[in-house]
Each structure stands twice: as C-alpha cells, then as structure tokens.
C-alpha cells in the first residue's frame, strides 16, 4: 500500500475501534495505525503485508 492508500486506511482505524474489540485487537489496531501513519507521512513509501 502506498502513502495515499495508507492515509485513507488510517482514517478508518477509529471506526474499527468503535466496534469494541478486546484489548489485543485494540492494541493491534493501534500498531496498525502507527505504521499507516508513518507510511502516509513519508512520500514514496510503501507498507507491505506478508501472508494472508
């Protein structure tokens, strides 16, 4: 995902957190938001996910 896609995805994190996951899920969403934010703030960057 490039920085434009990451910027769009990071805006969806708060909506996902409103669905009231458990602490582990909320921590994972916080980590994801941090990574997406770093990608969005760095022109020319990509965030790659391994596996399915």
PDB file of N, CA and C in Angstrom:
ATOM      1  N   UNK A   1       0.860  -1.146   0.000  1.00  0.00           N
ATOM      2  CA  UNK A   1       0.000   0.000   0.000  1.00  0.00           C
ATOM      3  C   UNK A   1       0.912   1.216   0.000  1.00  0.00           C
ATOM      4  N   UNK A   2       0.606   2.170  -0.863  1.00  0.00           N
ATOM      5  CA  UNK A   2       1.432   3.378  -0.936  1.00  0.00           C
ATOM      6  C   UNK A   2       0.946   4.416   0.070  1.00  0.00           C
ATOM      7  N   UNK A   3       1.611   5.586   0.085  1.00  0.00           N
ATOM      8  CA  UNK A   3       1.278   6.567   1.120  1.00  0.00           C
ATOM      9  C   UNK A   3      -0.134   7.119   0.984  1.00  0.00           C
ATOM     10  N   UNK A   4      -0.666   7.229  -0.220  1.00  0.00           N
ATOM     11  CA  UNK A   4      -2.047   7.713  -0.377  1.00  0.00           C
ATOM     12  C   UNK A   4      -3.054   6.683   0.150  1.00  0.00           C
ATOM     13  N   UNK A   5      -2.800   5.417  -0.135  1.00  0.00           N
ATOM     14  CA  UNK A   5      -3.686   4.361   0.364  1.00  0.00           C
ATOM     15  C   UNK A   5      -3.596   4.252   1.891  1.00  0.00           C
ATOM     16  N   UNK A   6      -2.386   4.407   2.413  1.00  0.00           N
ATOM     17  CA  UNK A   6      -2.199   4.356   3.862  1.00  0.00           C
ATOM     18  C   UNK A   6      -2.934   5.503   4.545  1.00  0.00           C
ATOM     19  N   UNK A   7      -2.891   6.678   3.932  1.00  0.00           N
ATOM     20  CA  UNK A   7      -3.592   7.832   4.500  1.00  0.00           C
ATOM     21  C   UNK A   7      -5.096   7.571   4.572  1.00  0.00           C
ATOM     22  N   UNK A   8      -5.652   6.969   3.527  1.00  0.00           N
ATOM     23  CA  UNK A   8      -7.080   6.649   3.528  1.00  0.00           C
ATOM     24  C   UNK A   8      -7.398   5.573   4.577  1.00  0.00           C
ATOM     25  N   UNK A   9      -6.535   4.575   4.688  1.00  0.00           N
ATOM     26  CA  UNK A   9      -6.781   3.472   5.618  1.00  0.00           C
ATOM     27  C   UNK A   9      -6.675   3.920   7.076  1.00  0.00           C
ATOM     28  N   UNK A  10      -5.735   4.810   7.371  1.00  0.00           N
ATOM     29  CA  UNK A  10      -5.555   5.240   8.762  1.00  0.00           C
ATOM     30  C   UNK A  10      -6.801   5.971   9.274  1.00  0.00           C
ATOM     31  N   UNK A  11      -7.534   6.602   8.380  1.00  0.00           N
ATOM     32  CA  UNK A  11      -8.766   7.292   8.797  1.00  0.00           C
ATOM     33  C   UNK A  11      -9.861   6.311   9.201  1.00  0.00           C
ATOM     34  N   UNK A  12      -9.740   5.057   8.813  1.00  0.00           N
ATOM     35  CA  UNK A  12     -10.751   4.047   9.143  1.00  0.00           C
ATOM     36  C   UNK A  12     -10.495   3.365  10.486  1.00  0.00           C
ATOM     37  N   UNK A  13      -9.323   3.572  11.063  1.00  0.00           N
ATOM     38  CA  UNK A  13      -8.959   2.879  12.299  1.00  0.00           C
ATOM     39  C   UNK A  13      -9.906   3.236  13.447  1.00  0.00           C
ATOM     40  N   UNK A  14     -10.210   4.506  13.638  1.00  0.00           N
ATOM     41  CA  UNK A  14     -11.101   4.901  14.738  1.00  0.00           C
ATOM     42  C   UNK A  14     -12.466   4.242  14.602  1.00  0.00           C
ATOM     43  N   UNK A  15     -12.961   4.140  13.378  1.00  0.00           N
ATOM     44  CA  UNK A  15     -14.244   3.485  13.147  1.00  0.00           C
ATOM     45  C   UNK A  15     -14.168   2.010  13.551  1.00  0.00           C
ATOM     46  N   UNK A  16     -13.074   1.363  13.217  1.00  0.00           N
ATOM     47  CA  UNK A  16     -12.901  -0.040  13.596  1.00  0.00           C
ATOM     48  C   UNK A  16     -12.817  -0.190  15.114  1.00  0.00           C
ATOM     49  N   UNK A  17     -12.146   0.737  15.777  1.00  0.00           N
ATOM     50  CA  UNK A  17     -12.005   0.658  17.228  1.00  0.00           C
ATOM     51  C   UNK A  17     -13.337   0.856  17.938  1.00  0.00           C
ATOM     52  N   UNK A  18     -14.281   1.533  17.312  1.00  0.00           N
ATOM     53  CA  UNK A  18     -15.607   1.739  17.908  1.00  0.00           C
ATOM     54  C   UNK A  18     -16.397   0.439  17.992  1.00  0.00           C
ATOM     55  N   UNK A  19     -15.986  -0.564  17.268  1.00  0.00           N
ATOM     56  CA  UNK A  19     -16.692  -1.854  17.278  1.00  0.00           C
ATOM     57  C   UNK A  19     -16.361  -2.677  18.517  1.00  0.00           C
ATOM     58  N   UNK A  20     -15.563  -2.097  19.405  1.00  0.00           N
ATOM     59  CA  UNK A  20     -15.277  -2.665  20.724  1.00  0.00           C
ATOM     60  C   UNK A  20     -14.650  -4.053  20.692  1.00  0.00           C
ATOM     61  N   UNK A  21     -13.476  -4.141  20.131  1.00  0.00           N
ATOM     62  CA  UNK A  21     -12.733  -5.390  20.187  1.00  0.00           C
ATOM     63  C   UNK A  21     -12.128  -5.591  21.559  1.00  0.00           C
ATOM     64  N   UNK A  22     -11.477  -6.728  21.750  1.00  0.00           N
ATOM     65  CA  UNK A  22     -10.812  -6.957  23.025  1.00  0.00           C
ATOM     66  C   UNK A  22      -9.497  -6.172  23.059  1.00  0.00           C
ATOM     67  N   UNK A  23      -8.812  -6.221  24.180  1.00  0.00           N
ATOM     68  CA  UNK A  23      -7.588  -5.431  24.349  1.00  0.00           C
ATOM     69  C   UNK A  23      -6.535  -5.776  23.310  1.00  0.00           C
ATOM     70  N   UNK A  24      -6.418  -7.042  22.974  1.00  0.00           N
ATOM     71  CA  UNK A  24      -5.433  -7.479  21.981  1.00  0.00           C
ATOM     72  C   UNK A  24      -5.744  -6.898  20.609  1.00  0.00           C
ATOM     73  N   UNK A  25      -7.010  -6.900  20.233  1.00  0.00           N
ATOM     74  CA  UNK A  25      -7.412  -6.339  18.942  1.00  0.00           C
ATOM     75  C   UNK A  25      -7.190  -4.829  18.910  1.00  0.00           C
ATOM     76  N   UNK A  26      -7.515  -4.152  20.001  1.00  0.00           N
ATOM     77  CA  UNK A  26      -7.309  -2.708  20.063  1.00  0.00           C
ATOM     78  C   UNK A  26      -5.829  -2.356  19.984  1.00  0.00           C
ATOM     79  N   UNK A  27      -4.978  -3.147  20.626  1.00  0.00           N
ATOM     80  CA  UNK A  27      -3.536  -2.923  20.559  1.00  0.00           C
ATOM     81  C   UNK A  27      -3.027  -3.130  19.136  1.00  0.00           C
ATOM     82  N   UNK A  28      -3.548  -4.142  18.459  1.00  0.00           N
ATOM     83  CA  UNK A  28      -3.153  -4.394  17.067  1.00  0.00           C
ATOM     84  C   UNK A  28      -3.586  -3.241  16.164  1.00  0.00           C
ATOM     85  N   UNK A  29      -4.769  -2.700  16.401  1.00  0.00           N
ATOM     86  CA  UNK A  29      -5.231  -1.555  15.616  1.00  0.00           C
ATOM     87  C   UNK A  29      -4.371  -0.317  15.881  1.00  0.00           C
ATOM     88  N   UNK A  30      -3.934  -0.141  17.129  1.00  0.00           N
ATOM     89  CA  UNK A  30      -3.031   0.970  17.444  1.00  0.00           C
ATOM     90  C   UNK A  30      -1.708   0.809  16.700  1.00  0.00           C
ATOM     91  N   UNK A  31      -1.179  -0.413  16.678  1.00  0.00           N
ATOM     92  CA  UNK A  31       0.068  -0.674  15.949  1.00  0.00           C
ATOM     93  C   UNK A  31      -0.110  -0.410  14.464  1.00  0.00           C
ATOM     94  N   UNK A  32      -1.224  -0.880  13.924  1.00  0.00           N
ATOM     95  CA  UNK A  32      -1.506  -0.670  12.508  1.00  0.00           C
ATOM     96  C   UNK A  32      -1.634   0.814  12.195  1.00  0.00           C
ATOM     97  N   UNK A  33      -2.316   1.556  13.053  1.00  0.00           N
ATOM     98  CA  UNK A  33      -2.476   2.997  12.843  1.00  0.00           C
ATOM     99  C   UNK A  33      -1.117   3.693  12.838  1.00  0.00           C
ATOM    100  N   UNK A  34      -0.220   3.272  13.728  1.00  0.00           N
ATOM    101  CA  UNK A  34       1.117   3.859  13.779  1.00  0.00           C
ATOM    102  C   UNK A  34       1.867   3.601  12.479  1.00  0.00           C
ATOM    103  N   UNK A  35       1.827   2.357  11.997  1.00  0.00           N
ATOM    104  CA  UNK A  35       2.520   2.015  10.755  1.00  0.00           C
ATOM    105  C   UNK A  35       1.921   2.739   9.555  1.00  0.00           C
ATOM    106  N   UNK A  36       0.596   2.792   9.507  1.00  0.00           N
ATOM    107  CA  UNK A  36      -0.069   3.506   8.414  1.00  0.00           C
ATOM    108  C   UNK A  36       0.272   4.994   8.451  1.00  0.00           C
ATOM    109  N   UNK A  37       0.307   5.567   9.647  1.00  0.00           N
ATOM    110  CA  UNK A  37       0.639   6.977   9.794  1.00  0.00           C
ATOM    111  C   UNK A  37       2.056   7.283   9.329  1.00  0.00           C
ATOM    112  N   UNK A  38       2.992   6.401   9.677  1.00  0.00           N
ATOM    113  CA  UNK A  38       4.375   6.590   9.234  1.00  0.00           C
ATOM    114  C   UNK A  38       4.470   6.496   7.716  1.00  0.00           C
ATOM    115  N   UNK A  39       3.772   5.550   7.134  1.00  0.00           N
ATOM    116  CA  UNK A  39       3.774   5.397   5.684  1.00  0.00           C
ATOM    117  C   UNK A  39       3.148   6.621   5.018  1.00  0.00           C
ATOM    118  N   UNK A  40       2.023   7.063   5.539  1.00  0.00           N
ATOM    119  CA  UNK A  40       1.321   8.214   4.958  1.00  0.00           C
ATOM    120  C   UNK A  40       2.168   9.485   5.027  1.00  0.00           C
ATOM    121  N   UNK A  41       3.009   9.593   6.044  1.00  0.00           N
ATOM    122  CA  UNK A  41       3.819  10.796   6.241  1.00  0.00           C
ATOM    123  C   UNK A  41       5.136  10.767   5.454  1.00  0.00           C
ATOM    124  N   UNK A  42       5.411   9.660   4.781  1.00  0.00           N
ATOM    125  CA  UNK A  42       6.683   9.517   4.072  1.00  0.00           C
ATOM    126  C   UNK A  42       6.428   9.343   2.579  1.00  0.00           C
ATOM    127  N   UNK A  43       6.565  10.420   1.805  1.00  0.00           N
ATOM    128  CA  UNK A  43       6.329  10.328   0.358  1.00  0.00           C
ATOM    129  C   UNK A  43       7.196   9.250  -0.292  1.00  0.00           C
ATOM    130  N   UNK A  44       6.577   8.497  -1.171  1.00  0.00           N
ATOM    131  CA  UNK A  44       7.280   7.434  -1.889  1.00  0.00           C
ATOM    132  C   UNK A  44       7.401   6.136  -1.122  1.00  0.00           C
ATOM    133  N   UNK A  45       6.803   6.068   0.058  1.00  0.00           N
ATOM    134  CA  UNK A  45       6.928   4.852   0.871  1.00  0.00           C
ATOM    135  C   UNK A  45       5.804   3.865   0.565  1.00  0.00           C
ATOM    136  N   UNK A  46       6.036   2.630   0.981  1.00  0.00           N
ATOM    137  CA  UNK A  46       5.052   1.556   0.840  1.00  0.00           C
ATOM    138  C   UNK A  46       5.003   0.777   2.139  1.00  0.00           C
ATOM    139  N   UNK A  47       3.828   0.256   2.446  1.00  0.00           N
ATOM    140  CA  UNK A  47       3.654  -0.644   3.582  1.00  0.00           C
ATOM    141  C   UNK A  47       3.232  -1.978   2.997  1.00  0.00           C
ATOM    142  N   UNK A  48       4.065  -2.985   3.237  1.00  0.00           N
ATOM    143  CA  UNK A  48       3.811  -4.317   2.697  1.00  0.00           C
ATOM    144  C   UNK A  48       3.374  -5.260   3.826  1.00  0.00           C
ATOM    145  N   UNK A  49       2.419  -6.119   3.521  1.00  0.00           N
ATOM    146  CA  UNK A  49       1.942  -7.116   4.457  1.00  0.00           C
ATOM    147  C   UNK A  49       2.290  -8.488   3.923  1.00  0.00           C
ATOM    148  N   UNK A  50       2.837  -9.330   4.768  1.00  0.00           N
ATOM    149  CA  UNK A  50       3.197 -10.691   4.377  1.00  0.00           C
ATOM    150  C   UNK A  50       2.124 -11.667   4.833  1.00  0.00           C
ATOM    151  N   UNK A  51       1.877 -12.678   4.055  1.00  0.00           N
ATOM    152  CA  UNK A  51       0.907 -13.707   4.422  1.00  0.00           C
ATOM    153  C   UNK A  51      -0.504 -13.331   4.035  1.00  0.00           C
ATOM    154  N   UNK A  52      -1.457 -14.100   4.550  1.00  0.00           N
ATOM    155  CA  UNK A  52      -2.846 -13.787   4.229  1.00  0.00           C
ATOM    156  C   UNK A  52      -3.625 -13.336   5.397  1.00  0.00           C
TER     157      UNK A  52
END
